[in-house]
Amino acid sequence: MTSLWYVYFLRCADNSLYAGITTDLSRRLDEHNFSNKLAAKYTRVRRPLQLVYSEQVDSRSAATQREYQLKRLSKTTKEQLVNNYIPI
């Protein structure tokens, strides 16, 4: 059985964007905001965080590849993605 994966951007308190992957967006957002063990080192000191963008993909491999692509985008292009994002 294949689980769905998500690639996401979080808006940090310092207005930066953090990209990541997960199978459960709400759980991962909670981990970033409230857990000192499970949150990424980058997000621990930039709380609170807000989910501002996500994409659904079919596999961990596809999620990792897409995350890499998103991280390489310019800040302006990332912001355009976020601004045009319509949550489902």
PDB file of N, CA and C in Angstrom:
ATOM      1  N   MET A   1       0.839  -1.197   0.000  1.00  0.00           N
ATOM      2  CA  MET A   1       0.000   0.000   0.000  1.00  0.00           C
ATOM      3  C   MET A   1       0.877   1.250   0.000  1.00  0.00           C
ATOM      4  N   THR A   2       0.590   2.137  -0.905  1.00  0.00           N
ATOM      5  CA  THR A   2       1.356   3.380  -0.968  1.00  0.00           C
ATOM      6  C   THR A   2       0.582   4.496  -0.273  1.00  0.00           C
ATOM      7  N   SER A   3       1.290   5.243   0.545  1.00  0.00           N
ATOM      8  CA  SER A   3       0.647   6.366   1.214  1.00  0.00           C
ATOM      9  C   SER A   3       0.930   7.635   0.425  1.00  0.00           C
ATOM     10  N   LEU A   4       0.047   8.591   0.566  1.00  0.00           N
ATOM     11  CA  LEU A   4       0.237   9.878  -0.104  1.00  0.00           C
ATOM     12  C   LEU A   4       1.239  10.708   0.682  1.00  0.00           C
ATOM     13  N   TRP A   5       2.044  11.421  -0.028  1.00  0.00           N
ATOM     14  CA  TRP A   5       3.032  12.316   0.567  1.00  0.00           C
ATOM     15  C   TRP A   5       2.690  13.755   0.194  1.00  0.00           C
ATOM     16  N   TYR A   6       3.145  14.666   1.021  1.00  0.00           N
ATOM     17  CA  TYR A   6       2.924  16.086   0.797  1.00  0.00           C
ATOM     18  C   TYR A   6       4.259  16.824   0.858  1.00  0.00           C
ATOM     19  N   VAL A   7       4.385  17.798  -0.006  1.00  0.00           N
ATOM     20  CA  VAL A   7       5.491  18.745   0.040  1.00  0.00           C
ATOM     21  C   VAL A   7       4.856  20.051   0.505  1.00  0.00           C
ATOM     22  N   TYR A   8       5.512  20.754   1.426  1.00  0.00           N
ATOM     23  CA  TYR A   8       4.859  21.931   2.003  1.00  0.00           C
ATOM     24  C   TYR A   8       5.843  23.056   2.256  1.00  0.00           C
ATOM     25  N   PHE A   9       5.278  24.252   2.360  1.00  0.00           N
ATOM     26  CA  PHE A   9       6.001  25.427   2.844  1.00  0.00           C
ATOM     27  C   PHE A   9       5.340  25.869   4.138  1.00  0.00           C
ATOM     28  N   LEU A  10       6.157  26.194   5.126  1.00  0.00           N
ATOM     29  CA  LEU A  10       5.680  26.826   6.351  1.00  0.00           C
ATOM     30  C   LEU A  10       6.200  28.255   6.371  1.00  0.00           C
ATOM     31  N   ARG A  11       5.343  29.170   6.814  1.00  0.00           N
ATOM     32  CA  ARG A  11       5.761  30.566   7.015  1.00  0.00           C
ATOM     33  C   ARG A  11       6.243  30.664   8.457  1.00  0.00           C
ATOM     34  N   CYS A  12       7.472  31.076   8.633  1.00  0.00           N
ATOM     35  CA  CYS A  12       8.054  31.214   9.958  1.00  0.00           C
ATOM     36  C   CYS A  12       7.777  32.611  10.511  1.00  0.00           C
ATOM     37  N   ALA A  13       7.969  32.772  11.813  1.00  0.00           N
ATOM     38  CA  ALA A  13       7.726  34.063  12.465  1.00  0.00           C
ATOM     39  C   ALA A  13       8.607  35.162  11.894  1.00  0.00           C
ATOM     40  N   ASP A  14       9.782  34.804  11.369  1.00  0.00           N
ATOM     41  CA  ASP A  14      10.670  35.814  10.780  1.00  0.00           C
ATOM     42  C   ASP A  14      10.375  36.049   9.296  1.00  0.00           C
ATOM     43  N   ASN A  15       9.242  35.523   8.817  1.00  0.00           N
ATOM     44  CA  ASN A  15       8.754  35.663   7.449  1.00  0.00           C
ATOM     45  C   ASN A  15       9.495  34.791   6.434  1.00  0.00           C
ATOM     46  N   SER A  16      10.404  33.952   6.900  1.00  0.00           N
ATOM     47  CA  SER A  16      11.079  33.034   5.986  1.00  0.00           C
ATOM     48  C   SER A  16      10.139  31.866   5.669  1.00  0.00           C
ATOM     49  N   LEU A  17      10.491  31.116   4.627  1.00  0.00           N
ATOM     50  CA  LEU A  17       9.720  29.937   4.244  1.00  0.00           C
ATOM     51  C   LEU A  17      10.562  28.693   4.482  1.00  0.00           C
ATOM     52  N   TYR A  18       9.952  27.679   5.062  1.00  0.00           N
ATOM     53  CA  TYR A  18      10.619  26.405   5.302  1.00  0.00           C
ATOM     54  C   TYR A  18       9.914  25.341   4.471  1.00  0.00           C
ATOM     55  N   ALA A  19      10.666  24.557   3.712  1.00  0.00           N
ATOM     56  CA  ALA A  19      10.095  23.488   2.891  1.00  0.00           C
ATOM     57  C   ALA A  19      10.360  22.144   3.541  1.00  0.00           C
ATOM     58  N   GLY A  20       9.368  21.244   3.440  1.00  0.00           N
ATOM     59  CA  GLY A  20       9.530  19.904   3.986  1.00  0.00           C
ATOM     60  C   GLY A  20       8.585  18.932   3.319  1.00  0.00           C
ATOM     61  N   ILE A  21       8.672  17.665   3.749  1.00  0.00           N
ATOM     62  CA  ILE A  21       7.782  16.621   3.243  1.00  0.00           C
ATOM     63  C   ILE A  21       7.198  15.852   4.423  1.00  0.00           C
ATOM     64  N   THR A  22       6.008  15.271   4.217  1.00  0.00           N
ATOM     65  CA  THR A  22       5.360  14.498   5.269  1.00  0.00           C
ATOM     66  C   THR A  22       4.221  13.679   4.677  1.00  0.00           C
ATOM     67  N   THR A  23       3.697  12.753   5.469  1.00  0.00           N
ATOM     68  CA  THR A  23       2.484  12.029   5.083  1.00  0.00           C
ATOM     69  C   THR A  23       1.266  12.586   5.811  1.00  0.00           C
ATOM     70  N   ASP A  24       1.489  13.465   6.798  1.00  0.00           N
ATOM     71  CA  ASP A  24       0.399  14.019   7.603  1.00  0.00           C
ATOM     72  C   ASP A  24       0.705  15.489   7.909  1.00  0.00           C
ATOM     73  N   LEU A  25       0.055  16.377   7.179  1.00  0.00           N
ATOM     74  CA  LEU A  25       0.349  17.806   7.297  1.00  0.00           C
ATOM     75  C   LEU A  25       0.049  18.372   8.685  1.00  0.00           C
ATOM     76  N   SER A  26      -1.097  18.043   9.251  1.00  0.00           N
ATOM     77  CA  SER A  26      -1.457  18.641  10.545  1.00  0.00           C
ATOM     78  C   SER A  26      -0.541  18.135  11.661  1.00  0.00           C
ATOM     79  N   ARG A  27      -0.197  16.845  11.641  1.00  0.00           N
ATOM     80  CA  ARG A  27       0.728  16.303  12.647  1.00  0.00           C
ATOM     81  C   ARG A  27       2.084  16.978  12.523  1.00  0.00           C
ATOM     82  N   ARG A  28       2.566  17.122  11.292  1.00  0.00           N
ATOM     83  CA  ARG A  28       3.895  17.699  11.089  1.00  0.00           C
ATOM     84  C   ARG A  28       3.929  19.169  11.489  1.00  0.00           C
ATOM     85  N   LEU A  29       2.865  19.907  11.210  1.00  0.00           N
ATOM     86  CA  LEU A  29       2.798  21.305  11.631  1.00  0.00           C
ATOM     87  C   LEU A  29       2.847  21.400  13.153  1.00  0.00           C
ATOM     88  N   ASP A  30       2.097  20.533  13.830  1.00  0.00           N
ATOM     89  CA  ASP A  30       2.140  20.501  15.303  1.00  0.00           C
ATOM     90  C   ASP A  30       3.546  20.183  15.808  1.00  0.00           C
ATOM     91  N   GLU A  31       4.218  19.233  15.170  1.00  0.00           N
ATOM     92  CA  GLU A  31       5.583  18.898  15.581  1.00  0.00           C
ATOM     93  C   GLU A  31       6.506  20.094  15.425  1.00  0.00           C
ATOM     94  N   HIS A  32       6.403  20.800  14.316  1.00  0.00           N
ATOM     95  CA  HIS A  32       7.246  21.979  14.099  1.00  0.00           C
ATOM     96  C   HIS A  32       6.954  23.067  15.131  1.00  0.00           C
ATOM     97  N   ASN A  33       5.689  23.234  15.490  1.00  0.00           N
ATOM     98  CA  ASN A  33       5.318  24.308  16.407  1.00  0.00           C
ATOM     99  C   ASN A  33       5.532  23.979  17.879  1.00  0.00           C
ATOM    100  N   PHE A  34       5.400  22.707  18.265  1.00  0.00           N
ATOM    101  CA  PHE A  34       5.340  22.388  19.694  1.00  0.00           C
ATOM    102  C   PHE A  34       6.373  21.385  20.198  1.00  0.00           C
ATOM    103  N   SER A  35       7.067  20.680  19.329  1.00  0.00           N
ATOM    104  CA  SER A  35       8.002  19.653  19.781  1.00  0.00           C
ATOM    105  C   SER A  35       9.440  20.111  19.595  1.00  0.00           C
ATOM    106  N   ASN A  36      10.228  20.004  20.661  1.00  0.00           N
ATOM    107  CA  ASN A  36      11.638  20.349  20.539  1.00  0.00           C
ATOM    108  C   ASN A  36      12.469  19.179  20.036  1.00  0.00           C
ATOM    109  N   LYS A  37      11.904  17.989  20.057  1.00  0.00           N
ATOM    110  CA  LYS A  37      12.631  16.820  19.563  1.00  0.00           C
ATOM    111  C   LYS A  37      12.314  16.529  18.102  1.00  0.00           C
ATOM    112  N   LEU A  38      11.061  16.712  17.700  1.00  0.00           N
ATOM    113  CA  LEU A  38      10.640  16.330  16.356  1.00  0.00           C
ATOM    114  C   LEU A  38      10.682  17.481  15.350  1.00  0.00           C
ATOM    115  N   ALA A  39      10.728  18.694  15.828  1.00  0.00           N
ATOM    116  CA  ALA A  39      10.776  19.849  14.922  1.00  0.00           C
ATOM    117  C   ALA A  39      12.155  19.961  14.290  1.00  0.00           C
ATOM    118  N   ALA A  40      12.190  20.520  13.101  1.00  0.00           N
ATOM    119  CA  ALA A  40      13.481  20.791  12.459  1.00  0.00           C
ATOM    120  C   ALA A  40      14.208  21.867  13.259  1.00  0.00           C
ATOM    121  N   LYS A  41      15.513  21.772  13.301  1.00  0.00           N
ATOM    122  CA  LYS A  41      16.316  22.752  14.028  1.00  0.00           C
ATOM    123  C   LYS A  41      16.022  24.172  13.531  1.00  0.00           C
ATOM    124  N   TYR A  42      15.831  24.311  12.226  1.00  0.00           N
ATOM    125  CA  TYR A  42      15.554  25.625  11.628  1.00  0.00           C
ATOM    126  C   TYR A  42      14.262  26.226  12.175  1.00  0.00           C
ATOM    127  N   THR A  43      13.226  25.403  12.331  1.00  0.00           N
ATOM    128  CA  THR A  43      11.924  25.942  12.726  1.00  0.00           C
ATOM    129  C   THR A  43      11.787  26.139  14.233  1.00  0.00           C
ATOM    130  N   ARG A  44      12.580  25.452  15.038  1.00  0.00           N
ATOM    131  CA  ARG A  44      12.455  25.556  16.501  1.00  0.00           C
ATOM    132  C   ARG A  44      12.609  26.980  17.005  1.00  0.00           C
ATOM    133  N   VAL A  45      13.461  27.747  16.364  1.00  0.00           N
ATOM    134  CA  VAL A  45      13.729  29.117  16.827  1.00  0.00           C
ATOM    135  C   VAL A  45      12.953  30.161  16.020  1.00  0.00           C
ATOM    136  N   ARG A  46      12.042  29.703  15.169  1.00  0.00           N
ATOM    137  CA  ARG A  46      11.279  30.628  14.310  1.00  0.00           C
ATOM    138  C   ARG A  46       9.775  30.421  14.456  1.00  0.00           C
ATOM    139  N   ARG A  47       9.349  30.077  15.632  1.00  0.00           N
ATOM    140  CA  ARG A  47       7.932  29.840  15.888  1.00  0.00           C
ATOM    141  C   ARG A  47       7.223  31.152  16.166  1.00  0.00           C
ATOM    142  N   PRO A  48       5.919  31.254  15.933  1.00  0.00           N
ATOM    143  CA  PRO A  48       5.018  30.206  15.432  1.00  0.00           C
ATOM    144  C   PRO A  48       5.123  30.057  13.914  1.00  0.00           C
ATOM    145  N   LEU A  49       4.706  28.902  13.441  1.00  0.00           N
ATOM    146  CA  LEU A  49       4.747  28.559  12.025  1.00  0.00           C
ATOM    147  C   LEU A  49       3.342  28.360  11.508  1.00  0.00           C
ATOM    148  N   GLN A  50       3.167  28.663  10.239  1.00  0.00           N
ATOM    149  CA  GLN A  50       1.855  28.519   9.615  1.00  0.00           C
ATOM    150  C   GLN A  50       2.034  27.811   8.281  1.00  0.00           C
ATOM    151  N   LEU A  51       1.173  26.828   8.017  1.00  0.00           N
ATOM    152  CA  LEU A  51       1.189  26.148   6.727  1.00  0.00           C
ATOM    153  C   LEU A  51       0.646  27.097   5.667  1.00  0.00           C
ATOM    154  N   VAL A  52       1.450  27.373   4.629  1.00  0.00           N
ATOM    155  CA  VAL A  52       1.033  28.337   3.601  1.00  0.00           C
ATOM    156  C   VAL A  52       0.995  27.744   2.204  1.00  0.00           C
ATOM    157  N   TYR A  53       1.474  26.493   2.049  1.00  0.00           N
ATOM    158  CA  TYR A  53       1.479  25.869   0.723  1.00  0.00           C
ATOM    159  C   TYR A  53       1.678  24.367   0.883  1.00  0.00           C
ATOM    160  N   SER A  54       0.972  23.585   0.054  1.00  0.00           N
ATOM    161  CA  SER A  54       1.236  22.143   0.024  1.00  0.00           C
ATOM    162  C   SER A  54       0.879  21.581  -1.342  1.00  0.00           C
ATOM    163  N   GLU A  55       1.547  20.502  -1.677  1.00  0.00           N
ATOM    164  CA  GLU A  55       1.285  19.733  -2.894  1.00  0.00           C
ATOM    165  C   GLU A  55       1.213  18.265  -2.495  1.00  0.00           C
ATOM    166  N   GLN A  56       0.317  17.540  -3.110  1.00  0.00           N
ATOM    167  CA  GLN A  56       0.200  16.106  -2.858  1.00  0.00           C
ATOM    168  C   GLN A  56       0.943  15.351  -3.962  1.00  0.00           C
ATOM    169  N   VAL A  57       1.749  14.373  -3.566  1.00  0.00           N
ATOM    170  CA  VAL A  57       2.480  13.540  -4.527  1.00  0.00           C
ATOM    171  C   VAL A  57       2.297  12.071  -4.147  1.00  0.00           C
ATOM    172  N   ASP A  58       2.684  11.170  -5.048  1.00  0.00           N
ATOM    173  CA  ASP A  58       2.377   9.752  -4.880  1.00  0.00           C
ATOM    174  C   ASP A  58       3.392   8.934  -4.094  1.00  0.00           C
ATOM    175  N   SER A  59       4.590   9.454  -3.908  1.00  0.00           N
ATOM    176  CA  SER A  59       5.608   8.644  -3.242  1.00  0.00           C
ATOM    177  C   SER A  59       6.600   9.522  -2.492  1.00  0.00           C
ATOM    178  N   ARG A  60       7.332   8.886  -1.590  1.00  0.00           N
ATOM    179  CA  ARG A  60       8.367   9.619  -0.866  1.00  0.00           C
ATOM    180  C   ARG A  60       9.427  10.136  -1.834  1.00  0.00           C
ATOM    181  N   SER A  61       9.767   9.327  -2.811  1.00  0.00           N
ATOM    182  CA  SER A  61      10.760   9.725  -3.806  1.00  0.00           C
ATOM    183  C   SER A  61      10.314  10.971  -4.560  1.00  0.00           C
ATOM    184  N   ALA A  62       9.064  10.989  -4.993  1.00  0.00           N
ATOM    185  CA  ALA A  62       8.531  12.153  -5.709  1.00  0.00           C
ATOM    186  C   ALA A  62       8.503  13.376  -4.793  1.00  0.00           C
ATOM    187  N   ALA A  63       8.168  13.171  -3.525  1.00  0.00           N
ATOM    188  CA  ALA A  63       8.121  14.276  -2.561  1.00  0.00           C
ATOM    189  C   ALA A  63       9.514  14.857  -2.350  1.00  0.00           C
ATOM    190  N   THR A  64      10.498  13.988  -2.212  1.00  0.00           N
ATOM    191  CA  THR A  64      11.873  14.442  -2.009  1.00  0.00           C
ATOM    192  C   THR A  64      12.377  15.220  -3.217  1.00  0.00           C
ATOM    193  N   GLN A  65      12.071  14.727  -4.404  1.00  0.00           N
ATOM    194  CA  GLN A  65      12.490  15.423  -5.625  1.00  0.00           C
ATOM    195  C   GLN A  65      11.824  16.785  -5.742  1.00  0.00           C
ATOM    196  N   ARG A  66      10.520  16.836  -5.437  1.00  0.00           N
ATOM    197  CA  ARG A  66       9.791  18.109  -5.536  1.00  0.00           C
ATOM    198  C   ARG A  66      10.281  19.094  -4.476  1.00  0.00           C
ATOM    199  N   GLU A  67      10.560  18.604  -3.272  1.00  0.00           N
ATOM    200  CA  GLU A  67      11.089  19.462  -2.216  1.00  0.00           C
ATOM    201  C   GLU A  67      12.407  20.095  -2.672  1.00  0.00           C
ATOM    202  N   TYR A  68      13.257  19.300  -3.285  1.00  0.00           N
ATOM    203  CA  TYR A  68      14.536  19.802  -3.800  1.00  0.00           C
ATOM    204  C   TYR A  68      14.306  20.901  -4.835  1.00  0.00           C
ATOM    205  N   GLN A  69      13.340  20.672  -5.732  1.00  0.00           N
ATOM    206  CA  GLN A  69      13.020  21.685  -6.747  1.00  0.00           C
ATOM    207  C   GLN A  69      12.528  22.974  -6.097  1.00  0.00           C
ATOM    208  N   LEU A  70      11.635  22.846  -5.122  1.00  0.00           N
ATOM    209  CA  LEU A  70      11.077  24.031  -4.461  1.00  0.00           C
ATOM    210  C   LEU A  70      12.159  24.815  -3.719  1.00  0.00           C
ATOM    211  N   LYS A  71      13.058  24.103  -3.058  1.00  0.00           N
ATOM    212  CA  LYS A  71      14.116  24.779  -2.305  1.00  0.00           C
ATOM    213  C   LYS A  71      15.048  25.571  -3.217  1.00  0.00           C
ATOM    214  N   ARG A  72      15.177  25.166  -4.452  1.00  0.00           N
ATOM    215  CA  ARG A  72      16.062  25.847  -5.399  1.00  0.00           C
ATOM    216  C   ARG A  72      15.431  27.079  -6.034  1.00  0.00           C
ATOM    217  N   LEU A  73      14.136  27.272  -5.863  1.00  0.00           N
ATOM    218  CA  LEU A  73      13.459  28.432  -6.437  1.00  0.00           C
ATOM    219  C   LEU A  73      13.912  29.711  -5.749  1.00  0.00           C
ATOM    220  N   SER A  74      13.795  30.814  -6.462  1.00  0.00           N
ATOM    221  CA  SER A  74      14.104  32.111  -5.856  1.00  0.00           C
ATOM    222  C   SER A  74      13.020  32.443  -4.827  1.00  0.00           C
ATOM    223  N   LYS A  75      13.355  33.331  -3.912  1.00  0.00           N
ATOM    224  CA  LYS A  75      12.390  33.767  -2.890  1.00  0.00           C
ATOM    225  C   LYS A  75      11.140  34.341  -3.565  1.00  0.00           C
ATOM    226  N   THR A  76      11.328  35.101  -4.631  1.00  0.00           N
ATOM    227  CA  THR A  76      10.200  35.709  -5.347  1.00  0.00           C
ATOM    228  C   THR A  76       9.278  34.637  -5.919  1.00  0.00           C
ATOM    229  N   THR A  77       9.844  33.608  -6.531  1.00  0.00           N
ATOM    230  CA  THR A  77       9.042  32.531  -7.113  1.00  0.00           C
ATOM    231  C   THR A  77       8.326  31.739  -6.025  1.00  0.00           C
ATOM    232  N   LYS A  78       9.017  31.500  -4.909  1.00  0.00           N
ATOM    233  CA  LYS A  78       8.379  30.808  -3.780  1.00  0.00           C
ATOM    234  C   LYS A  78       7.176  31.614  -3.285  1.00  0.00           C
ATOM    235  N   GLU A  79       7.364  32.919  -3.155  1.00  0.00           N
ATOM    236  CA  GLU A  79       6.275  33.777  -2.675  1.00  0.00           C
ATOM    237  C   GLU A  79       5.100  33.789  -3.660  1.00  0.00           C
ATOM    238  N   GLN A  80       5.386  33.729  -4.955  1.00  0.00           N
ATOM    239  CA  GLN A  80       4.312  33.657  -5.951  1.00  0.00           C
ATOM    240  C   GLN A  80       3.516  32.363  -5.796  1.00  0.00           C
ATOM    241  N   LEU A  81       4.212  31.243  -5.568  1.00  0.00           N
ATOM    242  CA  LEU A  81       3.527  29.963  -5.337  1.00  0.00           C
ATOM    243  C   LEU A  81       2.597  30.066  -4.125  1.00  0.00           C
ATOM    244  N   VAL A  82       3.125  30.630  -3.046  1.00  0.00           N
ATOM    245  CA  VAL A  82       2.340  30.774  -1.816  1.00  0.00           C
ATOM    246  C   VAL A  82       1.142  31.682  -2.045  1.00  0.00           C
ATOM    247  N   ASN A  83       1.356  32.809  -2.717  1.00  0.00           N
ATOM    248  CA  ASN A  83       0.279  33.784  -2.948  1.00  0.00           C
ATOM    249  C   ASN A  83      -0.823  33.233  -3.854  1.00  0.00           C
ATOM    250  N   ASN A  84      -0.469  32.342  -4.764  1.00  0.00           N
ATOM    251  CA  ASN A  84      -1.455  31.761  -5.683  1.00  0.00           C
ATOM    252  C   ASN A  84      -2.057  30.455  -5.172  1.00  0.00           C
ATOM    253  N   TYR A  85      -1.618  30.005  -4.011  1.00  0.00           N
ATOM    254  CA  TYR A  85      -2.053  28.732  -3.458  1.00  0.00           C
ATOM    255  C   TYR A  85      -3.501  28.819  -2.963  1.00  0.00           C
ATOM    256  N   ILE A  86      -4.307  27.841  -3.369  1.00  0.00           N
ATOM    257  CA  ILE A  86      -5.686  27.731  -2.903  1.00  0.00           C
ATOM    258  C   ILE A  86      -5.811  26.393  -2.182  1.00  0.00           C
ATOM    259  N   PRO A  87      -5.948  26.422  -0.859  1.00  0.00           N
ATOM    260  CA  PRO A  87      -6.042  25.157  -0.101  1.00  0.00           C
ATOM    261  C   PRO A  87      -7.271  24.362  -0.526  1.00  0.00           C
ATOM    262  N   ILE A  88      -7.104  23.055  -0.535  1.00  0.00           N
ATOM    263  CA  ILE A  88      -8.222  22.180  -0.927  1.00  0.00           C
ATOM    264  C   ILE A  88      -9.066  21.850   0.288  1.00  0.00           C
TER     265      ILE A  88
END
